[in-house]
Amino acid sequence: MANVGGFFKNVMSEMRKVSWPKRKELSKYTVIVLATVVAAAVFFAVVDLGISELFRWYLAL
């Protein structure tokens, strides 16, 4: 159990060394991530729609 306590002590020591983003940076990065997720969702929705339409067209032949 001494190793577990030492582990968490080391974790806390390392967490204090981390350079956390400021509020402005965090907001900017959040907007970038959300925009990327929305763009990827739209892209895959369009690809899915296209493939579905191709299958419908093929099956209607």
C-alpha atoms as a PDB file:
ATOM      1  CA  MET A   1       0.000   0.000   0.000  1.00  0.00           C
ATOM      2  CA  ALA A   2       2.993   2.311   0.424  1.00  0.00           C
ATOM      3  CA  ASN A   3       3.489   2.238  -3.342  1.00  0.00           C
ATOM      4  CA  VAL A   4      -0.060   3.451  -3.928  1.00  0.00           C
ATOM      5  CA  GLY A   5       0.444   6.416  -1.587  1.00  0.00           C
ATOM      6  CA  GLY A   6       3.744   7.244  -3.260  1.00  0.00           C
ATOM      7  CA  PHE A   7       2.100   7.022  -6.655  1.00  0.00           C
ATOM      8  CA  PHE A   8      -0.569   9.571  -5.768  1.00  0.00           C
ATOM      9  CA  LYS A   9       2.033  11.820  -4.155  1.00  0.00           C
ATOM     10  CA  ASN A  10       4.004  11.777  -7.416  1.00  0.00           C
ATOM     11  CA  VAL A  11       0.833  12.418  -9.410  1.00  0.00           C
ATOM     12  CA  MET A  12       0.042  15.505  -7.326  1.00  0.00           C
ATOM     13  CA  SER A  13       3.632  16.705  -7.694  1.00  0.00           C
ATOM     14  CA  GLU A  14       3.439  16.399 -11.483  1.00  0.00           C
ATOM     15  CA  MET A  15      -0.007  18.027 -11.643  1.00  0.00           C
ATOM     16  CA  ARG A  16       1.423  21.141  -9.961  1.00  0.00           C
ATOM     17  CA  LYS A  17       3.999  21.400 -12.764  1.00  0.00           C
ATOM     18  CA  VAL A  18       1.375  21.379 -15.523  1.00  0.00           C
ATOM     19  CA  SER A  19       0.873  24.621 -17.423  1.00  0.00           C
ATOM     20  CA  TRP A  20      -2.912  24.917 -17.537  1.00  0.00           C
ATOM     21  CA  PRO A  21      -4.535  27.047 -20.286  1.00  0.00           C
ATOM     22  CA  LYS A  22      -5.949  30.439 -19.390  1.00  0.00           C
ATOM     23  CA  ARG A  23      -9.684  31.079 -19.715  1.00  0.00           C
ATOM     24  CA  LYS A  24      -9.283  32.847 -23.095  1.00  0.00           C
ATOM     25  CA  GLU A  25      -7.178  30.000 -24.507  1.00  0.00           C
ATOM     26  CA  LEU A  26      -9.598  27.416 -23.158  1.00  0.00           C
ATOM     27  CA  SER A  27     -12.543  29.194 -24.798  1.00  0.00           C
ATOM     28  CA  LYS A  28     -10.681  29.394 -28.104  1.00  0.00           C
ATOM     29  CA  TYR A  29      -9.752  25.711 -28.027  1.00  0.00           C
ATOM     30  CA  THR A  30     -13.299  24.736 -27.062  1.00  0.00           C
ATOM     31  CA  VAL A  31     -14.717  26.607 -30.062  1.00  0.00           C
ATOM     32  CA  ILE A  32     -12.160  24.960 -32.353  1.00  0.00           C
ATOM     33  CA  VAL A  33     -13.010  21.481 -31.050  1.00  0.00           C
ATOM     34  CA  LEU A  34     -16.768  22.047 -31.337  1.00  0.00           C
ATOM     35  CA  ALA A  35     -16.423  23.442 -34.870  1.00  0.00           C
ATOM     36  CA  THR A  36     -14.304  20.444 -35.879  1.00  0.00           C
ATOM     37  CA  VAL A  37     -16.829  17.997 -34.412  1.00  0.00           C
ATOM     38  CA  VAL A  38     -19.717  19.722 -36.199  1.00  0.00           C
ATOM     39  CA  ALA A  39     -17.788  19.774 -39.492  1.00  0.00           C
ATOM     40  CA  ALA A  40     -16.962  16.065 -39.161  1.00  0.00           C
ATOM     41  CA  ALA A  41     -20.593  15.240 -38.327  1.00  0.00           C
ATOM     42  CA  VAL A  42     -21.841  17.152 -41.373  1.00  0.00           C
ATOM     43  CA  PHE A  43     -19.223  15.505 -43.586  1.00  0.00           C
ATOM     44  CA  PHE A  44     -20.136  11.992 -42.467  1.00  0.00           C
ATOM     45  CA  ALA A  45     -23.862  12.754 -42.736  1.00  0.00           C
ATOM     46  CA  VAL A  46     -23.384  13.865 -46.352  1.00  0.00           C
ATOM     47  CA  VAL A  47     -21.258  10.799 -47.146  1.00  0.00           C
ATOM     48  CA  ASP A  48     -23.852   8.530 -45.506  1.00  0.00           C
ATOM     49  CA  LEU A  49     -26.656  10.192 -47.451  1.00  0.00           C
ATOM     50  CA  GLY A  50     -24.710   9.819 -50.690  1.00  0.00           C
ATOM     51  CA  ILE A  51     -24.001   6.140 -50.125  1.00  0.00           C
ATOM     52  CA  SER A  52     -27.642   5.514 -49.159  1.00  0.00           C
ATOM     53  CA  GLU A  53     -28.860   7.193 -52.325  1.00  0.00           C
ATOM     54  CA  LEU A  54     -26.408   5.184 -54.435  1.00  0.00           C
ATOM     55  CA  PHE A  55     -27.723   1.938 -52.924  1.00  0.00           C
ATOM     56  CA  ARG A  56     -31.332   3.012 -53.485  1.00  0.00           C
ATOM     57  CA  TRP A  57     -30.544   3.910 -57.094  1.00  0.00           C
ATOM     58  CA  TYR A  58     -28.734   0.588 -57.625  1.00  0.00           C
ATOM     59  CA  LEU A  59     -31.551  -1.450 -56.079  1.00  0.00           C
ATOM     60  CA  ALA A  60     -34.143   0.359 -58.204  1.00  0.00           C
ATOM     61  CA  LEU A  61     -32.493  -0.799 -61.449  1.00  0.00           C
END
